[in-house]
Amino acid sequence: MNPQDPLLLNFRGGLADRRALLEAAWNDADAEAGLQSLYDVVHRLAGAAGAYERFELHDAARQLERGVLVWLKSPAESRPPAAGLKRLLSPVWKGLLARIESEADSG
C-alpha cells in the first residue's frame, strides 16, 4: 500500500484514538465484561491493521486478541482471575502499545 494513501494516512491519524480506547478497555479488564470489551476493541484494531497491510501491528493485536479469546472461551471454573490474565498478557500488551507508537510515528 502506498504510504501516502489517504485511507492509510487516516488510519494512522486515528491510532491515538484507538490507543485511548484500548487503554480504557485494558484498565477495565478486571472482570469478564471488561475482557469482552478489550477483545472487541483489539479485534477491530487487528482487522483494520490487516486491511491496511500494517502486518506487524496486525500480528501484535492478534496476539493479544487470541490470549483474551482463549480466556473468554474457557469454562469459568477452570480459568484464572481476570487480573491474573492481565499479568500474563502484560508483555503482549506492552508490545502492542510499542507497535501502535511505531506505526503512528511512521506516518
N, C-alpha and C. Protein backbone atom coordinates (compact mmCIF):
# COMPACT_ATOMS: atom_id res chain seq x y z
N MET A 1 0.84 -1.17 0.00
CA MET A 1 0.00 0.00 0.00
C MET A 1 0.89 1.24 0.00
N ASN A 2 0.52 2.19 -0.79
CA ASN A 2 1.25 3.45 -0.88
C ASN A 2 1.23 4.16 0.48
N PRO A 3 2.41 4.50 1.03
CA PRO A 3 2.45 5.15 2.35
C PRO A 3 1.72 6.49 2.40
N GLN A 4 1.45 7.08 1.24
CA GLN A 4 0.74 8.36 1.22
C GLN A 4 -0.74 8.21 0.86
N ASP A 5 -1.21 6.97 0.80
CA ASP A 5 -2.62 6.71 0.51
C ASP A 5 -3.48 7.42 1.57
N PRO A 6 -4.48 8.19 1.14
CA PRO A 6 -5.30 8.93 2.10
C PRO A 6 -5.98 8.04 3.15
N LEU A 7 -6.40 6.85 2.76
CA LEU A 7 -7.03 5.96 3.73
C LEU A 7 -6.04 5.48 4.78
N LEU A 8 -4.82 5.17 4.34
CA LEU A 8 -3.78 4.75 5.29
C LEU A 8 -3.40 5.90 6.21
N LEU A 9 -3.29 7.10 5.65
CA LEU A 9 -2.98 8.27 6.48
C LEU A 9 -4.08 8.51 7.51
N ASN A 10 -5.32 8.31 7.11
CA ASN A 10 -6.44 8.44 8.03
C ASN A 10 -6.36 7.38 9.14
N PHE A 11 -6.04 6.16 8.75
CA PHE A 11 -5.88 5.07 9.73
C PHE A 11 -4.80 5.44 10.75
N ARG A 12 -3.65 5.87 10.24
CA ARG A 12 -2.55 6.25 11.14
C ARG A 12 -2.95 7.42 12.04
N GLY A 13 -3.66 8.38 11.46
CA GLY A 13 -4.10 9.54 12.24
C GLY A 13 -5.07 9.16 13.35
N GLY A 14 -5.77 8.05 13.19
CA GLY A 14 -6.72 7.60 14.20
C GLY A 14 -6.14 6.68 15.25
N LEU A 15 -4.85 6.37 15.14
CA LEU A 15 -4.25 5.43 16.09
C LEU A 15 -4.22 5.96 17.52
N ALA A 16 -4.10 7.25 17.71
CA ALA A 16 -4.13 7.80 19.07
C ALA A 16 -5.49 7.53 19.71
N ASP A 17 -6.55 7.69 18.95
CA ASP A 17 -7.89 7.41 19.47
C ASP A 17 -8.07 5.92 19.76
N ARG A 18 -7.56 5.09 18.86
CA ARG A 18 -7.66 3.64 19.08
C ARG A 18 -6.86 3.23 20.32
N ARG A 19 -5.70 3.85 20.49
CA ARG A 19 -4.90 3.53 21.67
C ARG A 19 -5.65 3.93 22.94
N ALA A 20 -6.29 5.08 22.92
CA ALA A 20 -7.06 5.52 24.09
C ALA A 20 -8.19 4.52 24.40
N LEU A 21 -8.86 4.04 23.37
CA LEU A 21 -9.91 3.03 23.57
C LEU A 21 -9.33 1.74 24.14
N LEU A 22 -8.19 1.34 23.60
CA LEU A 22 -7.53 0.13 24.11
C LEU A 22 -7.13 0.29 25.57
N GLU A 23 -6.54 1.43 25.91
CA GLU A 23 -6.10 1.64 27.28
C GLU A 23 -7.29 1.65 28.24
N ALA A 24 -8.39 2.27 27.85
CA ALA A 24 -9.58 2.28 28.69
C ALA A 24 -10.10 0.85 28.88
N ALA A 25 -10.12 0.09 27.79
CA ALA A 25 -10.59 -1.30 27.88
C ALA A 25 -9.64 -2.14 28.74
N TRP A 26 -8.33 -1.95 28.58
CA TRP A 26 -7.35 -2.68 29.39
C TRP A 26 -7.54 -2.35 30.87
N ASN A 27 -7.73 -1.09 31.18
CA ASN A 27 -7.88 -0.68 32.57
C ASN A 27 -9.16 -1.22 33.19
N ASP A 28 -10.17 -1.50 32.37
CA ASP A 28 -11.44 -2.03 32.86
C ASP A 28 -11.51 -3.55 32.78
N ALA A 29 -10.44 -4.19 32.36
CA ALA A 29 -10.48 -5.64 32.10
C ALA A 29 -10.17 -6.47 33.34
N ASP A 30 -10.81 -6.12 34.45
CA ASP A 30 -10.62 -6.88 35.68
C ASP A 30 -11.77 -7.83 35.95
N ALA A 31 -12.66 -7.97 34.98
CA ALA A 31 -13.78 -8.89 35.06
C ALA A 31 -14.13 -9.33 33.65
N GLU A 32 -15.01 -10.30 33.53
CA GLU A 32 -15.33 -10.85 32.22
C GLU A 32 -15.88 -9.80 31.26
N ALA A 33 -16.75 -8.93 31.72
CA ALA A 33 -17.33 -7.90 30.83
C ALA A 33 -16.23 -6.98 30.30
N GLY A 34 -15.28 -6.62 31.14
CA GLY A 34 -14.18 -5.78 30.71
C GLY A 34 -13.28 -6.47 29.71
N LEU A 35 -13.06 -7.76 29.92
CA LEU A 35 -12.24 -8.51 28.97
C LEU A 35 -12.96 -8.68 27.63
N GLN A 36 -14.27 -8.80 27.66
CA GLN A 36 -15.02 -8.86 26.41
C GLN A 36 -14.88 -7.55 25.65
N SER A 37 -14.92 -6.45 26.37
CA SER A 37 -14.74 -5.13 25.76
C SER A 37 -13.34 -5.00 25.16
N LEU A 38 -12.34 -5.45 25.90
CA LEU A 38 -10.97 -5.42 25.40
C LEU A 38 -10.85 -6.26 24.14
N TYR A 39 -11.45 -7.44 24.16
CA TYR A 39 -11.43 -8.29 22.97
C TYR A 39 -12.03 -7.57 21.77
N ASP A 40 -13.18 -6.94 21.97
CA ASP A 40 -13.85 -6.25 20.86
C ASP A 40 -12.97 -5.15 20.26
N VAL A 41 -12.35 -4.37 21.12
CA VAL A 41 -11.51 -3.25 20.65
C VAL A 41 -10.28 -3.77 19.92
N VAL A 42 -9.60 -4.75 20.50
CA VAL A 42 -8.37 -5.24 19.88
C VAL A 42 -8.69 -6.03 18.60
N HIS A 43 -9.84 -6.67 18.56
CA HIS A 43 -10.26 -7.39 17.35
C HIS A 43 -10.44 -6.40 16.19
N ARG A 44 -11.09 -5.28 16.46
CA ARG A 44 -11.28 -4.27 15.41
C ARG A 44 -9.94 -3.68 14.95
N LEU A 45 -9.04 -3.44 15.90
CA LEU A 45 -7.71 -2.93 15.53
C LEU A 45 -6.97 -3.93 14.66
N ALA A 46 -7.00 -5.19 15.03
CA ALA A 46 -6.30 -6.22 14.25
C ALA A 46 -6.85 -6.29 12.83
N GLY A 47 -8.17 -6.24 12.71
CA GLY A 47 -8.78 -6.29 11.38
C GLY A 47 -8.40 -5.10 10.53
N ALA A 48 -8.47 -3.91 11.11
CA ALA A 48 -8.12 -2.70 10.35
C ALA A 48 -6.65 -2.71 9.97
N ALA A 49 -5.79 -3.10 10.89
CA ALA A 49 -4.35 -3.12 10.59
C ALA A 49 -4.06 -4.09 9.45
N GLY A 50 -4.71 -5.23 9.45
CA GLY A 50 -4.52 -6.19 8.36
C GLY A 50 -5.02 -5.64 7.04
N ALA A 51 -6.17 -4.97 7.06
CA ALA A 51 -6.73 -4.40 5.84
C ALA A 51 -5.82 -3.34 5.23
N TYR A 52 -5.10 -2.62 6.09
CA TYR A 52 -4.19 -1.58 5.61
C TYR A 52 -2.76 -2.09 5.46
N GLU A 53 -2.60 -3.40 5.52
CA GLU A 53 -1.30 -4.05 5.31
C GLU A 53 -0.26 -3.61 6.33
N ARG A 54 -0.69 -3.32 7.53
CA ARG A 54 0.22 -2.98 8.63
C ARG A 54 0.38 -4.27 9.43
N PHE A 55 1.14 -5.20 8.86
CA PHE A 55 1.17 -6.58 9.33
C PHE A 55 1.79 -6.75 10.71
N GLU A 56 2.80 -5.95 11.05
CA GLU A 56 3.38 -6.07 12.39
C GLU A 56 2.38 -5.63 13.45
N LEU A 57 1.65 -4.58 13.18
CA LEU A 57 0.61 -4.13 14.11
C LEU A 57 -0.52 -5.16 14.17
N HIS A 58 -0.89 -5.68 13.02
CA HIS A 58 -1.91 -6.72 12.95
C HIS A 58 -1.51 -7.91 13.82
N ASP A 59 -0.28 -8.38 13.67
CA ASP A 59 0.18 -9.55 14.42
C ASP A 59 0.21 -9.28 15.93
N ALA A 60 0.64 -8.09 16.32
CA ALA A 60 0.68 -7.74 17.75
C ALA A 60 -0.73 -7.70 18.33
N ALA A 61 -1.67 -7.13 17.58
CA ALA A 61 -3.05 -7.07 18.05
C ALA A 61 -3.67 -8.47 18.10
N ARG A 62 -3.38 -9.28 17.11
CA ARG A 62 -3.92 -10.66 17.09
C ARG A 62 -3.41 -11.47 18.27
N GLN A 63 -2.15 -11.25 18.64
CA GLN A 63 -1.59 -11.99 19.77
C GLN A 63 -2.38 -11.68 21.05
N LEU A 64 -2.66 -10.41 21.30
CA LEU A 64 -3.44 -10.05 22.47
C LEU A 64 -4.88 -10.57 22.33
N GLU A 65 -5.43 -10.43 21.14
CA GLU A 65 -6.79 -10.90 20.89
C GLU A 65 -6.92 -12.39 21.21
N ARG A 66 -5.96 -13.18 20.76
CA ARG A 66 -6.01 -14.63 20.99
C ARG A 66 -5.93 -14.96 22.48
N GLY A 67 -5.04 -14.26 23.20
CA GLY A 67 -4.92 -14.51 24.63
C GLY A 67 -6.21 -14.24 25.37
N VAL A 68 -6.86 -13.16 25.03
CA VAL A 68 -8.13 -12.82 25.68
C VAL A 68 -9.22 -13.80 25.27
N LEU A 69 -9.25 -14.15 23.99
CA LEU A 69 -10.29 -15.06 23.50
C LEU A 69 -10.20 -16.43 24.15
N VAL A 70 -8.99 -16.94 24.33
CA VAL A 70 -8.83 -18.24 24.98
C VAL A 70 -9.43 -18.18 26.39
N TRP A 71 -9.18 -17.09 27.09
CA TRP A 71 -9.73 -16.93 28.45
C TRP A 71 -11.25 -16.87 28.39
N LEU A 72 -11.80 -16.06 27.47
CA LEU A 72 -13.24 -15.90 27.37
C LEU A 72 -13.95 -17.21 27.03
N LYS A 73 -13.32 -18.05 26.23
CA LYS A 73 -13.95 -19.30 25.80
C LYS A 73 -13.73 -20.45 26.80
N SER A 74 -12.86 -20.25 27.77
CA SER A 74 -12.60 -21.28 28.77
C SER A 74 -13.75 -21.34 29.77
N PRO A 75 -14.03 -22.53 30.30
CA PRO A 75 -15.05 -22.62 31.34
C PRO A 75 -14.66 -21.76 32.55
N ALA A 76 -15.62 -21.06 33.09
CA ALA A 76 -15.35 -20.12 34.20
C ALA A 76 -14.61 -20.79 35.35
N GLU A 77 -14.95 -22.03 35.63
CA GLU A 77 -14.33 -22.70 36.78
C GLU A 77 -12.87 -23.10 36.55
N SER A 78 -12.42 -23.07 35.31
CA SER A 78 -11.04 -23.51 35.03
C SER A 78 -10.10 -22.39 34.62
N ARG A 79 -10.57 -21.16 34.60
CA ARG A 79 -9.71 -20.07 34.15
C ARG A 79 -9.24 -19.24 35.35
N PRO A 80 -8.08 -18.61 35.18
CA PRO A 80 -7.58 -17.75 36.26
C PRO A 80 -8.42 -16.48 36.35
N PRO A 81 -8.30 -15.75 37.46
CA PRO A 81 -8.99 -14.47 37.55
C PRO A 81 -8.52 -13.53 36.44
N ALA A 82 -9.37 -12.59 36.08
CA ALA A 82 -9.04 -11.64 35.01
C ALA A 82 -7.75 -10.90 35.31
N ALA A 83 -7.54 -10.53 36.56
CA ALA A 83 -6.31 -9.82 36.92
C ALA A 83 -5.08 -10.69 36.65
N GLY A 84 -5.22 -11.98 36.87
CA GLY A 84 -4.11 -12.90 36.57
C GLY A 84 -3.84 -12.97 35.08
N LEU A 85 -4.90 -12.96 34.29
CA LEU A 85 -4.73 -12.96 32.84
C LEU A 85 -4.01 -11.70 32.39
N LYS A 86 -4.38 -10.58 32.96
CA LYS A 86 -3.72 -9.32 32.59
C LYS A 86 -2.23 -9.38 32.91
N ARG A 87 -1.87 -9.98 34.03
CA ARG A 87 -0.44 -10.12 34.35
C ARG A 87 0.26 -10.99 33.31
N LEU A 88 -0.39 -12.08 32.93
CA LEU A 88 0.20 -12.98 31.92
C LEU A 88 0.35 -12.29 30.57
N LEU A 89 -0.61 -11.47 30.23
CA LEU A 89 -0.61 -10.80 28.91
C LEU A 89 0.12 -9.46 28.92
N SER A 90 0.63 -9.05 30.05
CA SER A 90 1.28 -7.74 30.14
C SER A 90 2.40 -7.54 29.11
N PRO A 91 3.29 -8.52 28.89
CA PRO A 91 4.31 -8.32 27.84
C PRO A 91 3.71 -8.16 26.44
N VAL A 92 2.65 -8.89 26.17
CA VAL A 92 1.97 -8.78 24.87
C VAL A 92 1.34 -7.39 24.75
N TRP A 93 0.73 -6.93 25.82
CA TRP A 93 0.11 -5.61 25.87
C TRP A 93 1.15 -4.53 25.59
N LYS A 94 2.28 -4.61 26.27
CA LYS A 94 3.34 -3.61 26.08
C LYS A 94 3.88 -3.65 24.65
N GLY A 95 3.98 -4.84 24.08
CA GLY A 95 4.41 -4.96 22.70
C GLY A 95 3.44 -4.33 21.73
N LEU A 96 2.15 -4.50 21.99
CA LEU A 96 1.13 -3.88 21.14
C LEU A 96 1.20 -2.36 21.22
N LEU A 97 1.35 -1.83 22.41
CA LEU A 97 1.47 -0.37 22.55
C LEU A 97 2.70 0.15 21.80
N ALA A 98 3.79 -0.58 21.86
CA ALA A 98 5.00 -0.18 21.14
C ALA A 98 4.77 -0.19 19.63
N ARG A 99 4.04 -1.20 19.14
CA ARG A 99 3.74 -1.27 17.70
C ARG A 99 2.84 -0.12 17.28
N ILE A 100 1.87 0.23 18.12
CA ILE A 100 0.99 1.36 17.80
C ILE A 100 1.82 2.64 17.70
N GLU A 101 2.71 2.85 18.65
CA GLU A 101 3.55 4.04 18.63
C GLU A 101 4.43 4.05 17.38
N SER A 102 5.02 2.94 17.08
CA SER A 102 5.89 2.85 15.90
C SER A 102 5.11 3.14 14.62
N GLU A 103 3.93 2.58 14.52
CA GLU A 103 3.10 2.80 13.32
C GLU A 103 2.67 4.26 13.23
N ALA A 104 2.27 4.83 14.34
CA ALA A 104 1.85 6.24 14.34
C ALA A 104 3.00 7.15 13.95
N ASP A 105 4.21 6.83 14.42
CA ASP A 105 5.38 7.64 14.12
C ASP A 105 5.87 7.49 12.68
N SER A 106 5.50 6.38 12.03
CA SER A 106 6.00 6.14 10.68
C SER A 106 5.24 6.94 9.63
N GLY A 107 4.18 7.58 10.03
CA GLY A 107 3.37 8.37 9.08
C GLY A 107 3.91 9.73 8.96
